[in-house]
Amino acid sequence: METSGNHSDEPGFCRESLEEFVSVMGEARASEWLDALAERLSSAFEDRNGDPSEIRNMAHSTVSRAGTLGFMELANRCAKLEQAITRRRNYVEELEDVRDEARRVMNVLSRLRVDLKREMRPDDD
């Protein structure tokens, strides 16, 4: 996957993980996963009506998708949030950490999605 922007210097992002996913699953599937992660993050860690089980489930389901796509810091922060809730600890700090990282990842995702869609366009030659 060649991208116009260099996203490999993004903290918490492992470009090689995304490239491996693209090589195995293809650009179209990778694009779907990036879109799904962006959609999930756009509102995933809002208040959720203060329901810790909903927040824990969202964190749990985000860990694998984020990790698979190379967003290791987001996966780690979601895992910590999930653990804090499971252990019935106060999770306010972990939730804020996830929200901060989710905002950063959204910025990276928007650039990656544009780059990937550009690559998927057929050549006009």
C-alpha atoms as a PDB file:
ATOM      1  CA  MET A   1       0.000   0.000   0.000  1.00  0.00           C
ATOM      2  CA  GLU A   2       1.608   3.199  -1.144  1.00  0.00           C
ATOM      3  CA  THR A   3       0.256   6.317   0.466  1.00  0.00           C
ATOM      4  CA  SER A   4       0.937   9.897  -0.423  1.00  0.00           C
ATOM      5  CA  GLY A   5       1.330  10.949   3.190  1.00  0.00           C
ATOM      6  CA  ASN A   6       3.834   9.349   5.500  1.00  0.00           C
ATOM      7  CA  HIS A   7       1.777   7.972   8.352  1.00  0.00           C
ATOM      8  CA  SER A   8       4.498   5.686   9.683  1.00  0.00           C
ATOM      9  CA  ASP A   9       5.773   8.431  11.968  1.00  0.00           C
ATOM     10  CA  GLU A  10       2.384   8.697  13.678  1.00  0.00           C
ATOM     11  CA  PRO A  11       2.787   7.712  17.331  1.00  0.00           C
ATOM     12  CA  GLY A  12       0.856   4.573  18.197  1.00  0.00           C
ATOM     13  CA  PHE A  13       0.386   3.562  14.552  1.00  0.00           C
ATOM     14  CA  CYS A  14       2.138   0.536  13.047  1.00  0.00           C
ATOM     15  CA  ARG A  15       2.038   0.962   9.288  1.00  0.00           C
ATOM     16  CA  GLU A  16       3.381  -2.564   8.763  1.00  0.00           C
ATOM     17  CA  SER A  17       0.277  -4.049  10.434  1.00  0.00           C
ATOM     18  CA  LEU A  18      -2.004  -2.189   8.061  1.00  0.00           C
ATOM     19  CA  GLU A  19       0.124  -3.127   5.046  1.00  0.00           C
ATOM     20  CA  GLU A  20       0.015  -6.785   6.075  1.00  0.00           C
ATOM     21  CA  PHE A  21      -3.776  -6.600   6.414  1.00  0.00           C
ATOM     22  CA  VAL A  22      -4.047  -5.015   2.958  1.00  0.00           C
ATOM     23  CA  SER A  23      -1.787  -7.671   1.420  1.00  0.00           C
ATOM     24  CA  VAL A  24      -3.865 -10.504   2.895  1.00  0.00           C
ATOM     25  CA  MET A  25      -7.383  -9.090   2.660  1.00  0.00           C
ATOM     26  CA  GLY A  26      -7.071  -6.643  -0.230  1.00  0.00           C
ATOM     27  CA  GLU A  27      -7.559  -2.916  -0.550  1.00  0.00           C
ATOM     28  CA  ALA A  28     -11.356  -3.052  -0.729  1.00  0.00           C
ATOM     29  CA  ARG A  29     -11.665  -5.011   2.521  1.00  0.00           C
ATOM     30  CA  ALA A  30      -9.085  -2.783   4.224  1.00  0.00           C
ATOM     31  CA  SER A  31     -11.055   0.260   3.138  1.00  0.00           C
ATOM     32  CA  GLU A  32     -14.224  -1.260   4.627  1.00  0.00           C
ATOM     33  CA  TRP A  33     -12.445  -1.907   7.934  1.00  0.00           C
ATOM     34  CA  LEU A  34     -10.995   1.602   8.059  1.00  0.00           C
ATOM     35  CA  ASP A  35     -14.452   3.034   7.367  1.00  0.00           C
ATOM     36  CA  ALA A  36     -15.999   0.834  10.065  1.00  0.00           C
ATOM     37  CA  LEU A  37     -13.377   1.857  12.625  1.00  0.00           C
ATOM     38  CA  ALA A  38     -13.908   5.532  11.801  1.00  0.00           C
ATOM     39  CA  GLU A  39     -17.668   5.113  12.165  1.00  0.00           C
ATOM     40  CA  ARG A  40     -17.237   3.304  15.473  1.00  0.00           C
ATOM     41  CA  LEU A  41     -14.874   5.927  16.873  1.00  0.00           C
ATOM     42  CA  SER A  42     -17.014   8.857  15.821  1.00  0.00           C
ATOM     43  CA  SER A  43     -19.369   8.241  18.739  1.00  0.00           C
ATOM     44  CA  ALA A  44     -18.156   5.087  20.440  1.00  0.00           C
ATOM     45  CA  PHE A  45     -16.863   6.499  23.666  1.00  0.00           C
ATOM     46  CA  GLU A  46     -19.373   9.222  24.293  1.00  0.00           C
ATOM     47  CA  ASP A  47     -21.305   9.108  27.540  1.00  0.00           C
ATOM     48  CA  ARG A  48     -23.138   5.835  26.705  1.00  0.00           C
ATOM     49  CA  ASN A  49     -25.608   6.867  29.419  1.00  0.00           C
ATOM     50  CA  GLY A  50     -22.970   6.067  31.995  1.00  0.00           C
ATOM     51  CA  ASP A  51     -23.421   2.331  31.404  1.00  0.00           C
ATOM     52  CA  PRO A  52     -20.071   0.714  32.194  1.00  0.00           C
ATOM     53  CA  SER A  53     -21.020  -2.560  30.492  1.00  0.00           C
ATOM     54  CA  GLU A  54     -21.702  -0.745  27.200  1.00  0.00           C
ATOM     55  CA  ILE A  55     -18.413   1.128  27.452  1.00  0.00           C
ATOM     56  CA  ARG A  56     -16.568  -2.097  28.333  1.00  0.00           C
ATOM     57  CA  ASN A  57     -18.118  -3.932  25.362  1.00  0.00           C
ATOM     58  CA  MET A  58     -17.211  -1.102  22.987  1.00  0.00           C
ATOM     59  CA  ALA A  59     -13.641  -1.062  24.318  1.00  0.00           C
ATOM     60  CA  HIS A  60     -13.380  -4.845  23.969  1.00  0.00           C
ATOM     61  CA  SER A  61     -14.621  -4.876  20.387  1.00  0.00           C
ATOM     62  CA  THR A  62     -12.313  -1.997  19.441  1.00  0.00           C
ATOM     63  CA  VAL A  63      -9.147  -3.691  20.737  1.00  0.00           C
ATOM     64  CA  SER A  64      -8.861  -6.290  17.972  1.00  0.00           C
ATOM     65  CA  ARG A  65     -10.003  -4.120  15.072  1.00  0.00           C
ATOM     66  CA  ALA A  66      -7.697  -1.250  16.046  1.00  0.00           C
ATOM     67  CA  GLY A  67      -4.763  -3.609  16.588  1.00  0.00           C
ATOM     68  CA  THR A  68      -5.331  -5.421  13.303  1.00  0.00           C
ATOM     69  CA  LEU A  69      -5.275  -2.116  11.429  1.00  0.00           C
ATOM     70  CA  GLY A  70      -2.105  -0.959  13.180  1.00  0.00           C
ATOM     71  CA  PHE A  71      -3.522   1.408  15.797  1.00  0.00           C
ATOM     72  CA  MET A  72      -1.647  -0.186  18.671  1.00  0.00           C
ATOM     73  CA  GLU A  73      -1.925   2.701  21.121  1.00  0.00           C
ATOM     74  CA  LEU A  74      -5.690   2.816  20.714  1.00  0.00           C
ATOM     75  CA  ALA A  75      -5.874  -0.956  21.203  1.00  0.00           C
ATOM     76  CA  ASN A  76      -3.746  -0.702  24.360  1.00  0.00           C
ATOM     77  CA  ARG A  77      -5.806   2.131  25.817  1.00  0.00           C
ATOM     78  CA  CYS A  78      -9.059   0.298  25.064  1.00  0.00           C
ATOM     79  CA  ALA A  79      -7.684  -2.827  26.773  1.00  0.00           C
ATOM     80  CA  LYS A  80      -6.812  -0.778  29.866  1.00  0.00           C
ATOM     81  CA  LEU A  81     -10.289   0.746  29.893  1.00  0.00           C
ATOM     82  CA  GLU A  82     -11.883  -2.681  29.583  1.00  0.00           C
ATOM     83  CA  GLN A  83      -9.735  -4.008  32.450  1.00  0.00           C
ATOM     84  CA  ALA A  84     -10.554  -1.059  34.710  1.00  0.00           C
ATOM     85  CA  ILE A  85     -14.288  -1.572  34.219  1.00  0.00           C
ATOM     86  CA  THR A  86     -14.016  -5.351  34.625  1.00  0.00           C
ATOM     87  CA  ARG A  87     -12.144  -4.873  37.893  1.00  0.00           C
ATOM     88  CA  ARG A  88     -14.809  -2.368  39.016  1.00  0.00           C
ATOM     89  CA  ARG A  89     -12.280   0.428  39.370  1.00  0.00           C
ATOM     90  CA  ASN A  90     -12.946   4.068  38.664  1.00  0.00           C
ATOM     91  CA  TYR A  91     -12.327   4.259  34.912  1.00  0.00           C
ATOM     92  CA  VAL A  92     -12.671   7.990  34.251  1.00  0.00           C
ATOM     93  CA  GLU A  93      -8.972   8.469  33.476  1.00  0.00           C
ATOM     94  CA  GLU A  94      -8.850   5.447  31.151  1.00  0.00           C
ATOM     95  CA  LEU A  95     -11.973   6.633  29.337  1.00  0.00           C
ATOM     96  CA  GLU A  96     -10.454  10.070  28.773  1.00  0.00           C
ATOM     97  CA  ASP A  97      -7.256   8.431  27.493  1.00  0.00           C
ATOM     98  CA  VAL A  98      -9.299   6.412  24.997  1.00  0.00           C
ATOM     99  CA  ARG A  99     -11.234   9.477  23.900  1.00  0.00           C
ATOM    100  CA  ASP A 100      -8.013  11.436  23.358  1.00  0.00           C
ATOM    101  CA  GLU A 101      -6.461   8.622  21.344  1.00  0.00           C
ATOM    102  CA  ALA A 102      -9.666   8.070  19.377  1.00  0.00           C
ATOM    103  CA  ARG A 103      -9.612  11.719  18.266  1.00  0.00           C
ATOM    104  CA  ARG A 104      -5.992  11.373  17.152  1.00  0.00           C
ATOM    105  CA  VAL A 105      -6.746   8.119  15.319  1.00  0.00           C
ATOM    106  CA  MET A 106      -9.699   9.749  13.543  1.00  0.00           C
ATOM    107  CA  ASN A 107      -7.297  12.279  12.021  1.00  0.00           C
ATOM    108  CA  VAL A 108      -4.965   9.529  10.826  1.00  0.00           C
ATOM    109  CA  LEU A 109      -7.901   7.466   9.553  1.00  0.00           C
ATOM    110  CA  SER A 110      -9.223  10.302   7.441  1.00  0.00           C
ATOM    111  CA  ARG A 111      -5.883  10.594   5.635  1.00  0.00           C
ATOM    112  CA  LEU A 112      -5.452   6.824   5.259  1.00  0.00           C
ATOM    113  CA  ARG A 113      -8.950   6.395   3.863  1.00  0.00           C
ATOM    114  CA  VAL A 114      -8.358   9.070   1.235  1.00  0.00           C
ATOM    115  CA  ASP A 115      -5.031   7.494   0.264  1.00  0.00           C
ATOM    116  CA  LEU A 116      -6.500   4.007   0.024  1.00  0.00           C
ATOM    117  CA  LYS A 117      -9.484   5.128  -2.034  1.00  0.00           C
ATOM    118  CA  ARG A 118      -7.091   6.942  -4.379  1.00  0.00           C
ATOM    119  CA  GLU A 119      -5.123   3.720  -4.851  1.00  0.00           C
ATOM    120  CA  MET A 120      -8.269   1.743  -5.570  1.00  0.00           C
ATOM    121  CA  ARG A 121      -9.314   3.974  -8.464  1.00  0.00           C
ATOM    122  CA  PRO A 122      -8.683   2.361 -11.850  1.00  0.00           C
ATOM    123  CA  ASP A 123      -5.950   3.961 -13.901  1.00  0.00           C
ATOM    124  CA  ASP A 124      -7.144   6.111 -16.769  1.00  0.00           C
ATOM    125  CA  ASP A 125      -4.253   5.037 -18.999  1.00  0.00           C
END
